[in-house]
């Protein structure tokens, strides 16, 4: 039910079903074993799911590089099958390296996931060294099928570029999030591996897999807690569905294949909007595959829930006790980056309206990506189970105001793209207020909102929230700096007078202004002043004296 503009999620999900079905069909036609066919399907799923580079060319390169990490890991996992201690130590090293590789962006992220999951697949299928040649063949077939569907038969990304991914937060050593997470994943996986093997000597790998996927796309303690909860919730509901669907089916090949296709569609269609629904689809698919392998029963499904719970607990303990990254620290960093991007977009728009060579569109696109990251960062605080109501409400208020700010930025950028739009001193004044508000919010020593309003509005001015038609006649907009409000008195650095006698309020639509005063820059002025107002309102939910962020875990 989540919005799907342009039906992009729908098309990507259908393409995934097509690509995975093609990989499995080719493997079956070539006479490969059931284990190899399942390996082909899972490899195609990973190739289509994890590769998320910003351009089609980079996506193709990353897809071509997947065997460079997948084949060595497959060989290690099968050859170490009868050496448990060495196998376990190798997998922990692969988990550490896979998370550490995220520092190199989407390509490192995809290669790390593919390497880890190739080891996982061999445990899931209990693959032996004698099966290694056909596992290589199956993986090669899968990657070729995924590439053919993605880049030749249905190249969706050529017309609809993937959303921008903001660069990771800066840092070196243990201050870098990927380094901290690599250590946390290695520690949590080690504990999960030991406890998981105490529960089951055959299915222990589910606990390690749970740890791994909980840490994907998280950057703080709060995010990991929420993701762990959703993982357990999705698994439990998926197991219930498995009892209703997979066990009665009894591994019937045709019906199982059709239901696996439905699960694949569900994984891709829900991944971007609901982690719990995605895990439900993953769990049902795993149950169906166990049915194909002839090992499915109720005890196995219940063991799956127990192993998932072990992995989730280990992940929570790791982010709490091992190099923890507090939620408010991450919130602070992402919100500040979003505010600075607002300032950059506003500045570029104004310079473009003034006739300079500037393009605000890239800043607007970056702002959308950063706001997505802010929503993810604040998700623990707005979660229904968060008992801290005051902080929950503040976090919600922050999200609402940031969305409003993004709307004003989009409007300003749209006006700047109009070749007939122009610029005047009032717009410069409004944008100066935007810059001052951002400076106040991002500087630990900046003025609070009340001080900013006192500086920007003259004594006796109508309240900033007063509608324009209720303000004293001739009164300048409260967002205009005091030195700019006297007739003809321009702010230093602005060449034109602010207002002329009888000038309509800048927010008045052009058709309602006195004839000859249809200023094409008025929409830009409205957006700039609206943006300044929103940023000023952000002060209250973001600050407590002497300027620390309120939004904390």
Protein backbone atom coordinates (compact mmCIF):
# COMPACT_ATOMS: atom_id res chain seq x y z
CA UNK A 1 0.00 0.00 0.00
CA UNK A 2 3.04 2.30 0.23
CA UNK A 3 3.34 4.86 -2.61
CA UNK A 4 5.14 3.55 -5.70
CA UNK A 5 5.72 6.54 -8.02
CA UNK A 6 6.02 5.39 -11.61
CA UNK A 7 5.46 1.79 -10.45
CA UNK A 8 9.24 1.45 -10.15
CA UNK A 9 9.09 -1.02 -7.26
CA UNK A 10 6.52 -3.11 -9.11
CA UNK A 11 8.66 -3.31 -12.24
CA UNK A 12 11.85 -4.09 -10.34
CA UNK A 13 10.05 -6.85 -8.43
CA UNK A 14 8.67 -8.42 -11.60
CA UNK A 15 12.10 -8.21 -13.20
CA UNK A 16 13.62 -10.00 -10.21
CA UNK A 17 11.13 -12.85 -10.56
CA UNK A 18 11.99 -13.09 -14.27
CA UNK A 19 15.76 -13.05 -13.69
CA UNK A 20 15.70 -15.67 -10.93
CA UNK A 21 13.30 -17.90 -12.86
CA UNK A 22 15.60 -17.69 -15.89
CA UNK A 23 18.64 -18.69 -13.80
CA UNK A 24 16.86 -21.69 -12.26
CA UNK A 25 15.37 -22.76 -15.60
CA UNK A 26 18.77 -22.74 -17.32
CA UNK A 27 20.32 -24.70 -14.44
CA UNK A 28 17.55 -27.31 -14.69
CA UNK A 29 17.81 -27.55 -18.48
CA UNK A 30 21.54 -28.20 -18.16
CA UNK A 31 20.82 -31.09 -15.81
CA UNK A 32 22.34 -29.61 -12.66
CA UNK A 33 21.32 -31.00 -9.27
CA UNK A 34 18.60 -29.51 -7.06
CA UNK A 35 21.28 -28.06 -4.77
CA UNK A 36 22.92 -26.33 -7.75
CA UNK A 37 19.57 -25.02 -9.02
CA UNK A 38 18.79 -23.50 -5.61
CA UNK A 39 22.30 -22.01 -5.54
CA UNK A 40 21.63 -20.44 -8.95
CA UNK A 41 18.36 -18.94 -7.78
CA UNK A 42 19.85 -17.49 -4.61
CA UNK A 43 22.89 -16.08 -6.45
CA UNK A 44 20.61 -14.37 -8.99
CA UNK A 45 18.51 -12.97 -6.13
CA UNK A 46 21.60 -11.54 -4.45
CA UNK A 47 22.92 -10.05 -7.71
CA UNK A 48 19.62 -8.30 -8.38
CA UNK A 49 19.04 -7.27 -4.77
CA UNK A 50 22.41 -6.01 -3.57
CA UNK A 51 23.90 -4.17 -6.57
CA UNK A 52 22.84 -0.54 -6.14
CA UNK A 53 25.50 1.67 -7.74
CA UNK A 54 24.35 5.13 -8.88
CA UNK A 55 24.91 4.47 -12.62
CA UNK A 56 24.13 1.56 -14.92
CA UNK A 57 27.78 1.32 -15.95
CA UNK A 58 28.91 0.93 -12.34
CA UNK A 59 26.15 -1.59 -11.69
CA UNK A 60 27.43 -3.70 -14.60
CA UNK A 61 31.00 -3.55 -13.29
CA UNK A 62 29.91 -4.54 -9.79
CA UNK A 63 27.88 -7.46 -11.15
CA UNK A 64 30.93 -8.61 -13.12
CA UNK A 65 33.06 -8.44 -9.95
CA UNK A 66 30.75 -10.62 -7.85
CA UNK A 67 32.48 -13.90 -8.88
CA UNK A 68 35.82 -12.53 -7.70
CA UNK A 69 34.57 -12.73 -4.12
CA UNK A 70 31.91 -15.42 -4.54
CA UNK A 71 34.04 -18.19 -6.05
CA UNK A 72 36.83 -18.13 -3.44
CA UNK A 73 34.27 -18.08 -0.63
CA UNK A 74 32.38 -21.02 -2.15
CA UNK A 75 35.64 -22.97 -2.33
CA UNK A 76 36.56 -22.17 1.29
CA UNK A 77 33.10 -22.99 2.61
CA UNK A 78 32.96 -26.41 0.93
CA UNK A 79 36.59 -27.38 1.57
CA UNK A 80 36.32 -26.48 5.27
CA UNK A 81 33.09 -28.41 5.72
CA UNK A 82 34.80 -31.10 7.83
CA UNK A 83 36.97 -28.65 9.82
CA UNK A 84 34.45 -26.84 12.04
CA UNK A 85 36.85 -24.63 13.99
CA UNK A 86 38.67 -23.41 10.90
CA UNK A 87 35.34 -23.01 9.06
CA UNK A 88 33.88 -20.90 11.85
CA UNK A 89 36.97 -18.69 12.13
CA UNK A 90 36.99 -18.17 8.36
CA UNK A 91 33.35 -17.13 8.33
CA UNK A 92 33.91 -14.60 11.10
CA UNK A 93 36.77 -13.09 9.10
CA UNK A 94 34.54 -12.92 6.03
CA UNK A 95 31.81 -11.22 8.09
CA UNK A 96 34.30 -8.66 9.39
CA UNK A 97 35.71 -7.97 5.92
CA UNK A 98 32.23 -7.79 4.38
CA UNK A 99 31.14 -5.03 6.75
CA UNK A 100 34.47 -3.21 6.57
CA UNK A 101 34.13 -3.12 2.76
CA UNK A 102 31.12 -0.82 3.09
CA UNK A 103 33.52 2.09 3.51
CA UNK A 104 33.95 1.92 -0.30
CA UNK A 105 30.33 2.66 -0.99
CA UNK A 106 27.66 0.67 -2.85
CA UNK A 107 30.19 -1.58 -4.60
CA UNK A 108 31.91 -2.59 -1.38
CA UNK A 109 28.50 -3.09 0.21
CA UNK A 110 27.34 -5.44 -2.58
CA UNK A 111 30.57 -7.43 -2.70
CA UNK A 112 30.57 -7.84 1.09
CA UNK A 113 26.99 -9.14 1.15
CA UNK A 114 27.61 -11.52 -1.76
CA UNK A 115 30.72 -12.99 -0.12
CA UNK A 116 28.98 -13.51 3.21
CA UNK A 117 25.88 -15.05 1.66
CA UNK A 118 27.86 -17.45 -0.52
CA UNK A 119 29.29 -18.92 2.68
CA UNK A 120 25.79 -18.95 4.19
CA UNK A 121 24.31 -20.76 1.16
CA UNK A 122 26.83 -23.60 1.43
CA UNK A 123 25.81 -24.11 5.10
CA UNK A 124 22.13 -23.90 4.18
CA UNK A 125 22.53 -26.56 1.46
CA UNK A 126 25.23 -28.58 3.26
CA UNK A 127 27.34 -28.44 0.10
CA UNK A 128 30.38 -30.74 -0.15
CA UNK A 129 33.69 -30.31 -2.02
CA UNK A 130 32.56 -32.74 -4.74
CA UNK A 131 29.74 -30.34 -5.63
CA UNK A 132 32.03 -27.34 -6.08
CA UNK A 133 32.26 -27.52 -9.95
CA UNK A 134 28.51 -27.45 -10.44
CA UNK A 135 28.14 -24.74 -7.76
CA UNK A 136 30.56 -22.62 -9.80
CA UNK A 137 28.55 -23.36 -12.93
CA UNK A 138 25.29 -22.50 -11.20
CA UNK A 139 26.65 -19.21 -9.86
CA UNK A 140 28.02 -18.25 -13.27
CA UNK A 141 24.67 -19.05 -14.91
CA UNK A 142 22.85 -17.01 -12.26
CA UNK A 143 25.01 -13.92 -12.69
CA UNK A 144 24.75 -14.13 -16.48
CA UNK A 145 20.96 -14.46 -16.29
CA UNK A 146 20.66 -11.58 -13.81
CA UNK A 147 22.87 -9.36 -15.98
CA UNK A 148 20.95 -10.24 -19.15
CA UNK A 149 17.60 -9.37 -17.60
CA UNK A 150 18.83 -6.26 -15.80
CA UNK A 151 20.97 -4.67 -18.49
CA UNK A 152 19.51 -6.01 -21.75
CA UNK A 153 15.94 -7.31 -21.51
CA UNK A 154 14.55 -4.87 -18.93
CA UNK A 155 16.98 -1.99 -18.25
CA UNK A 156 14.76 -0.03 -15.88
CA UNK A 157 17.63 2.01 -14.43
CA UNK A 158 18.47 3.51 -17.83
CA UNK A 159 15.22 5.48 -17.71
CA UNK A 160 14.73 5.70 -13.94
CA UNK A 161 18.05 6.26 -12.14
CA UNK A 162 18.23 4.73 -8.66
CA UNK A 163 17.84 7.16 -5.76
CA UNK A 164 21.01 8.89 -4.67
CA UNK A 165 22.81 7.36 -1.69
CA UNK A 166 24.42 9.93 0.64
CA UNK A 167 28.07 9.44 1.42
CA UNK A 168 28.86 7.81 4.74
CA UNK A 169 29.62 9.99 7.73
CA UNK A 170 33.30 10.93 7.90
CA UNK A 171 35.74 9.47 10.36
CA UNK A 172 38.98 7.56 10.72
CA UNK A 173 39.90 4.48 12.71
CA UNK A 174 37.23 3.52 15.21
CA UNK A 175 35.50 6.85 14.59
CA UNK A 176 34.45 5.46 11.21
CA UNK A 177 31.06 3.76 11.42
CA UNK A 178 32.02 0.87 9.12
CA UNK A 179 35.05 0.00 11.26
CA UNK A 180 32.99 -0.02 14.44
CA UNK A 181 30.29 -2.11 12.79
CA UNK A 182 32.83 -4.60 11.43
CA UNK A 183 34.07 -5.22 14.97
CA UNK A 184 30.52 -5.39 16.33
CA UNK A 185 29.43 -7.87 13.65
CA UNK A 186 32.47 -10.09 14.23
CA UNK A 187 31.88 -10.17 18.00
CA UNK A 188 28.11 -10.67 17.72
CA UNK A 189 28.54 -13.37 15.04
CA UNK A 190 31.08 -15.21 17.20
CA UNK A 191 28.73 -15.31 20.17
CA UNK A 192 25.74 -16.21 17.96
CA UNK A 193 27.77 -18.99 16.34
CA UNK A 194 28.59 -20.58 19.70
CA UNK A 195 25.07 -20.25 21.15
CA UNK A 196 23.50 -21.29 17.85
CA UNK A 197 25.57 -24.48 17.77
CA UNK A 198 24.43 -25.28 21.31
CA UNK A 199 20.85 -25.10 20.03
CA UNK A 200 21.51 -27.05 16.84
CA UNK A 201 24.64 -28.55 15.32
CA UNK A 202 23.06 -28.41 11.85
CA UNK A 203 21.08 -25.13 11.68
CA UNK A 204 23.29 -22.84 13.76
CA UNK A 205 24.02 -20.63 10.75
CA UNK A 206 20.60 -18.95 11.03
CA UNK A 207 21.80 -17.14 14.17
CA UNK A 208 24.87 -15.81 12.35
CA UNK A 209 22.79 -14.83 9.33
CA UNK A 210 20.41 -12.92 11.58
CA UNK A 211 23.28 -10.92 13.07
CA UNK A 212 24.56 -10.06 9.61
CA UNK A 213 21.27 -8.81 8.17
CA UNK A 214 20.37 -6.82 11.27
CA UNK A 215 23.52 -4.76 10.76
CA UNK A 216 22.78 -4.05 7.08
CA UNK A 217 21.75 -0.39 6.56
CA UNK A 218 22.03 0.53 10.23
CA UNK A 219 24.40 3.04 11.79
CA UNK A 220 23.46 3.39 15.45
CA UNK A 221 22.30 1.50 18.50
CA UNK A 222 18.69 2.59 18.11
CA UNK A 223 18.53 1.58 14.44
CA UNK A 224 19.95 -1.85 15.28
CA UNK A 225 17.43 -2.36 18.09
CA UNK A 226 14.51 -1.52 15.82
CA UNK A 227 15.83 -3.69 13.00
CA UNK A 228 16.36 -6.61 15.38
CA UNK A 229 12.78 -6.30 16.62
CA UNK A 230 11.46 -6.23 13.06
CA UNK A 231 13.63 -9.21 12.14
CA UNK A 232 12.16 -11.33 14.95
CA UNK A 233 8.63 -10.11 14.16
CA UNK A 234 8.98 -10.92 10.46
CA UNK A 235 10.47 -14.34 11.21
CA UNK A 236 7.75 -15.27 13.70
CA UNK A 237 4.95 -14.30 11.31
CA UNK A 238 6.78 -16.02 8.46
CA UNK A 239 7.01 -19.23 10.48
CA UNK A 240 3.27 -19.05 11.14
CA UNK A 241 2.74 -18.71 7.39
CA UNK A 242 5.12 -21.63 6.87
CA UNK A 243 2.97 -23.85 9.06
CA UNK A 244 -0.07 -22.88 6.99
CA UNK A 245 1.53 -23.10 3.55
CA UNK A 246 4.87 -24.90 3.35
CA UNK A 247 4.18 -27.94 5.56
CA UNK A 248 0.83 -28.88 3.93
CA UNK A 249 2.43 -28.44 0.49
CA UNK A 250 4.96 -31.16 1.25
CA UNK A 251 7.56 -29.99 -1.29
CA UNK A 252 5.34 -30.40 -4.41
CA UNK A 253 7.69 -29.03 -7.12
CA UNK A 254 5.35 -26.98 -9.32
CA UNK A 255 3.34 -25.33 -6.54
CA UNK A 256 6.50 -24.75 -4.53
CA UNK A 257 8.16 -23.04 -7.49
CA UNK A 258 5.15 -20.77 -7.98
CA UNK A 259 5.03 -19.82 -4.31
CA UNK A 260 8.78 -19.18 -4.24
CA UNK A 261 8.24 -16.77 -7.15
CA UNK A 262 5.56 -15.00 -5.09
CA UNK A 263 7.99 -14.77 -2.17
CA UNK A 264 10.71 -13.35 -4.43
CA UNK A 265 8.28 -10.69 -5.61
CA UNK A 266 7.38 -9.92 -1.99
CA UNK A 267 11.04 -9.59 -0.99
CA UNK A 268 11.77 -7.00 -3.67
CA UNK A 269 8.45 -5.17 -3.46
CA UNK A 270 8.51 -4.66 0.32
CA UNK A 271 12.26 -4.24 0.94
CA UNK A 272 12.25 -0.46 0.56
CA UNK A 273 9.22 0.15 2.76
CA UNK A 274 8.91 -2.61 5.40
CA UNK A 275 11.70 -4.77 6.78
CA UNK A 276 9.21 -6.95 8.68
CA UNK A 277 7.23 -7.81 5.55
CA UNK A 278 10.44 -8.52 3.65
CA UNK A 279 11.64 -10.94 6.34
CA UNK A 280 8.24 -12.63 6.35
CA UNK A 281 8.67 -13.29 2.61
CA UNK A 282 12.25 -14.50 3.15
CA UNK A 283 11.14 -16.88 5.92
CA UNK A 284 8.32 -18.37 3.87
CA UNK A 285 10.68 -18.83 0.92
CA UNK A 286 13.22 -20.61 3.15
CA UNK A 287 10.47 -22.88 4.46
CA UNK A 288 9.45 -23.75 0.90
CA UNK A 289 13.06 -24.51 -0.05
CA UNK A 290 13.40 -26.78 2.98
CA UNK A 291 10.27 -28.52 1.73
CA UNK A 292 11.93 -29.05 -1.67
CA UNK A 293 14.97 -30.52 0.08
CA UNK A 294 12.71 -32.88 2.04
CA UNK A 295 13.73 -31.76 5.52
CA UNK A 296 10.82 -29.51 6.51
CA UNK A 297 8.83 -30.13 9.69
CA UNK A 298 7.34 -28.12 12.54
CA UNK A 299 10.36 -28.57 14.80
CA UNK A 300 12.62 -27.08 12.14
CA UNK A 301 10.43 -23.99 11.83
CA UNK A 302 10.40 -23.47 15.59
CA UNK A 303 14.18 -23.88 15.65
CA UNK A 304 14.35 -21.14 13.01
CA UNK A 305 12.58 -18.75 15.39
CA UNK A 306 14.90 -19.68 18.26
CA UNK A 307 18.05 -19.17 16.15
CA UNK A 308 16.72 -15.82 14.95
CA UNK A 309 16.10 -14.76 18.54
CA UNK A 310 19.67 -15.71 19.47
CA UNK A 311 21.06 -13.67 16.59
CA UNK A 312 18.93 -10.64 17.46
CA UNK A 313 19.98 -10.72 21.14
CA UNK A 314 23.65 -11.02 20.18
CA UNK A 315 23.33 -8.07 17.80
CA UNK A 316 21.70 -5.94 20.50
CA UNK A 317 24.38 -6.80 23.04
CA UNK A 318 27.12 -6.02 20.54
CA UNK A 319 25.83 -2.54 19.67
CA UNK A 320 25.27 -1.83 23.37
CA UNK A 321 28.58 -3.07 24.76
CA UNK A 322 31.10 -3.07 21.87
CA UNK A 323 32.13 0.36 20.55
CA UNK A 324 28.54 1.66 20.78
CA UNK A 325 27.35 4.44 18.47
CA UNK A 326 24.62 6.38 20.28
CA UNK A 327 21.49 7.23 18.31
CA UNK A 328 21.65 10.95 19.11
CA UNK A 329 25.18 11.15 17.70
CA UNK A 330 23.98 9.78 14.38
CA UNK A 331 20.87 12.00 14.45
CA UNK A 332 23.05 15.04 15.08
CA UNK A 333 25.33 14.30 12.13
CA UNK A 334 22.62 13.53 9.55
CA UNK A 335 20.36 16.44 10.53
CA UNK A 336 23.27 18.87 10.31
CA UNK A 337 24.17 17.53 6.86
CA UNK A 338 20.58 17.98 5.73
CA UNK A 339 20.49 21.57 7.02
CA UNK A 340 23.77 22.43 5.32
CA UNK A 341 22.37 20.97 2.10
CA UNK A 342 19.31 23.22 2.47
CA UNK A 343 21.63 26.20 2.67
CA UNK A 344 23.61 25.07 -0.39
CA UNK A 345 20.44 24.55 -2.44
CA UNK A 346 19.07 27.95 -1.43
CA UNK A 347 22.32 29.72 -2.21
CA UNK A 348 22.61 28.06 -5.61
CA UNK A 349 18.99 28.94 -6.47
CA UNK A 350 19.47 32.58 -5.57
CA UNK A 351 22.69 32.83 -7.54
CA UNK A 352 20.95 31.28 -10.54
CA UNK A 353 18.09 33.78 -10.26
CA UNK A 354 20.73 36.55 -10.16
CA UNK A 355 22.06 35.35 -13.51
CA UNK A 356 25.11 33.46 -12.28
CA UNK A 357 26.18 29.99 -13.40
CA UNK A 358 24.74 27.84 -10.62
CA UNK A 359 22.59 24.71 -10.57
CA UNK A 360 20.56 24.01 -7.41
CA UNK A 361 19.09 20.73 -8.76
CA UNK A 362 21.97 18.47 -7.55
CA UNK A 363 21.68 19.97 -4.07
CA UNK A 364 17.93 19.33 -4.07
CA UNK A 365 18.50 15.69 -5.08
CA UNK A 366 21.13 15.32 -2.37
CA UNK A 367 18.70 16.79 0.16
CA UNK A 368 16.09 14.14 -0.68
CA UNK A 369 18.68 11.40 -0.12
CA UNK A 370 19.80 12.96 3.17
CA UNK A 371 16.22 13.25 4.39
CA UNK A 372 15.77 9.55 3.70
CA UNK A 373 18.78 8.90 5.90
CA UNK A 374 17.44 11.23 8.59
CA UNK A 375 14.15 9.30 8.63
CA UNK A 376 16.05 6.06 9.06
CA UNK A 377 18.12 7.58 11.85
CA UNK A 378 15.06 8.92 13.70
CA UNK A 379 13.03 5.73 13.19
CA UNK A 380 13.92 4.36 16.67
CA UNK A 381 12.56 7.50 18.31
CA UNK A 382 9.23 7.51 16.44
CA UNK A 383 8.74 3.75 16.76
CA UNK A 384 5.38 2.87 18.41
CA UNK A 385 7.17 0.93 21.17
CA UNK A 386 9.36 3.87 22.20
CA UNK A 387 8.15 4.74 25.75
CA UNK A 388 9.73 8.23 25.74
CA UNK A 389 6.72 10.20 24.54
CA UNK A 390 8.27 13.65 24.72
CA UNK A 391 11.25 12.63 22.62
CA UNK A 392 8.98 10.79 20.23
CA UNK A 393 6.91 13.93 19.67
CA UNK A 394 10.01 16.07 19.21
CA UNK A 395 11.39 13.62 16.66
CA UNK A 396 8.10 13.62 14.78
CA UNK A 397 8.08 17.42 14.80
CA UNK A 398 11.61 17.45 13.39
CA UNK A 399 10.58 15.13 10.56
CA UNK A 400 7.51 17.22 9.73
CA UNK A 401 9.51 20.47 9.63
CA UNK A 402 12.31 18.95 7.59
CA UNK A 403 9.76 17.67 5.07
CA UNK A 404 8.27 21.18 4.90
CA UNK A 405 11.75 22.62 4.37
CA UNK A 406 12.36 20.16 1.55
CA UNK A 407 9.07 21.22 -0.05
CA UNK A 408 10.11 24.88 0.05
CA UNK A 409 13.50 24.00 -1.42
CA UNK A 410 11.85 22.07 -4.26
CA UNK A 411 9.63 25.08 -4.96
CA UNK A 412 12.57 27.46 -4.95
CA UNK A 413 14.57 25.20 -7.27
CA UNK A 414 11.60 24.92 -9.65
CA UNK A 415 11.33 28.72 -9.81
CA UNK A 416 15.07 29.02 -10.38
CA UNK A 417 14.76 26.71 -13.38
CA UNK A 418 12.42 29.23 -15.05
CA UNK A 419 14.41 31.32 -17.51
CA UNK A 420 12.05 34.28 -16.98
CA UNK A 421 12.37 34.35 -13.20
CA UNK A 422 14.33 37.22 -11.69
CA UNK A 423 15.92 38.36 -8.46
CA UNK A 424 15.54 41.36 -6.19
CA UNK A 425 16.80 42.60 -2.84
CA UNK A 426 13.86 41.18 -0.93
CA UNK A 427 14.78 37.69 -2.12
CA UNK A 428 18.39 38.28 -1.08
CA UNK A 429 17.18 39.33 2.36
CA UNK A 430 14.99 36.25 2.73
CA UNK A 431 17.84 33.97 1.72
CA UNK A 432 20.14 35.76 4.13
CA UNK A 433 17.63 34.82 6.82
CA UNK A 434 17.76 31.19 5.66
CA UNK A 435 21.55 31.18 5.97
CA UNK A 436 21.36 32.78 9.41
CA UNK A 437 18.82 30.19 10.56
CA UNK A 438 20.96 27.31 9.32
CA UNK A 439 23.99 28.82 11.02
CA UNK A 440 22.02 29.06 14.26
CA UNK A 441 20.93 25.43 14.05
CA UNK A 442 24.28 23.93 13.07
CA UNK A 443 26.52 26.07 15.29
CA UNK A 444 26.81 25.08 18.92
CA UNK A 445 27.30 28.74 19.75
CA UNK A 446 24.74 30.17 17.32
CA UNK A 447 21.81 32.28 18.50
CA UNK A 448 18.57 30.62 19.48
CA UNK A 449 15.43 31.18 17.42
CA UNK A 450 14.10 33.88 19.74
CA UNK A 451 17.36 35.82 19.46
CA UNK A 452 17.32 35.41 15.69
CA UNK A 453 13.78 36.75 15.43
CA UNK A 454 14.63 39.69 17.67
CA UNK A 455 17.57 40.51 15.43
CA UNK A 456 15.61 40.17 12.20
CA UNK A 457 12.36 41.92 13.19
CA UNK A 458 12.05 45.53 14.40
CA UNK A 459 10.42 46.37 17.66
CA UNK A 460 6.66 46.56 17.33
CA UNK A 461 6.54 44.39 14.22
CA UNK A 462 3.57 42.06 13.84
CA UNK A 463 4.12 38.52 15.06
CA UNK A 464 5.72 36.36 12.35
CA UNK A 465 2.71 34.06 12.43
CA UNK A 466 0.25 36.90 11.70
CA UNK A 467 -1.38 36.57 8.26
CA UNK A 468 -0.27 39.15 5.74
CA UNK A 469 -3.68 40.82 5.40
CA UNK A 470 -3.81 41.42 9.19
CA UNK A 471 -0.43 43.18 9.40
CA UNK A 472 -0.19 46.98 9.66
CA UNK A 473 -0.43 48.54 6.22
CA UNK A 474 2.96 49.03 4.68
CA UNK A 475 4.70 46.87 7.26
CA UNK A 476 7.49 44.87 5.73
CA UNK A 477 7.46 41.10 6.01
CA UNK A 478 8.77 40.05 9.47
CA UNK A 479 11.37 37.89 7.80
CA UNK A 480 13.15 40.95 6.40
CA UNK A 481 16.18 42.21 8.38
CA UNK A 482 15.53 45.45 10.18
CA UNK A 483 18.09 47.52 8.23
CA UNK A 484 16.25 46.62 5.00
CA UNK A 485 12.85 47.88 6.08
CA UNK A 486 13.23 51.59 5.61
CA UNK A 487 12.24 52.78 2.17
CA UNK A 488 15.10 52.50 -0.23
CA UNK A 489 17.58 51.44 2.42
CA UNK A 490 19.28 48.39 0.99
CA UNK A 491 21.16 45.81 2.98
CA UNK A 492 24.93 46.04 2.44
CA UNK A 493 25.72 44.11 -0.68
CA UNK A 494 22.17 44.36 -2.15
CA UNK A 495 21.82 46.93 -4.95
CA UNK A 496 18.06 47.45 -5.17
CA UNK A 497 15.58 49.05 -2.75
CA UNK A 498 13.34 46.70 -0.88
CA UNK A 499 9.93 48.23 -1.28
CA UNK A 500 8.32 51.06 -3.11
CA UNK A 501 5.36 53.03 -1.81
CA UNK A 502 2.19 51.00 -2.22
CA UNK A 503 3.94 47.83 -3.29
CA UNK A 504 1.83 44.72 -2.83
CA UNK A 505 2.96 42.15 -0.29
CA UNK A 506 5.52 39.90 -1.95
CA UNK A 507 3.38 36.88 -1.19
CA UNK A 508 0.50 38.29 -3.27
CA UNK A 509 -0.08 36.36 -6.50
CA UNK A 510 0.99 38.23 -9.59
CA UNK A 511 -2.57 38.57 -10.94
CA UNK A 512 -3.63 40.41 -7.77
CA UNK A 513 -0.78 42.93 -7.74
CA UNK A 514 -1.09 46.48 -9.07
CA UNK A 515 -0.75 46.58 -12.81
CA UNK A 516 2.86 46.75 -13.85
CA UNK A 517 4.14 45.10 -10.66
CA UNK A 518 3.79 41.43 -11.62
CA UNK A 519 7.16 40.46 -10.26
CA UNK A 520 8.16 37.04 -11.59
CA UNK A 521 10.45 36.51 -8.62
CA UNK A 522 7.55 36.58 -6.13
CA UNK A 523 7.13 32.77 -6.00
CA UNK A 524 10.82 32.43 -5.16
CA UNK A 525 10.41 35.01 -2.41
CA UNK A 526 7.45 33.09 -0.97
CA UNK A 527 9.45 29.85 -0.87
CA UNK A 528 12.52 31.53 0.61
CA UNK A 529 10.55 33.20 3.38
CA UNK A 530 8.62 29.99 4.04
CA UNK A 531 11.91 28.12 4.30
CA UNK A 532 13.28 30.66 6.76
CA UNK A 533 10.15 30.33 8.89
CA UNK A 534 10.37 26.53 8.94
CA UNK A 535 14.04 26.60 9.90
CA UNK A 536 13.32 29.00 12.72
CA UNK A 537 10.59 26.67 14.02
CA UNK A 538 13.13 23.81 14.00
CA UNK A 539 15.05 25.50 16.78
CA UNK A 540 12.68 24.39 19.56
CA UNK A 541 12.63 20.62 18.89
CA UNK A 542 16.34 20.47 18.09
CA UNK A 543 17.80 22.44 20.97
CA UNK A 544 18.08 22.54 24.70
CA UNK A 545 20.32 25.13 26.35
CA UNK A 546 23.13 25.68 25.69
CA UNK A 547 22.54 24.29 22.22
CA UNK A 548 22.77 20.51 22.46
CA UNK A 549 20.46 18.40 20.30
CA UNK A 550 17.31 17.22 22.07
CA UNK A 551 16.69 14.33 19.67
CA UNK A 552 18.48 11.54 21.52
CA UNK A 553 18.04 7.90 22.37
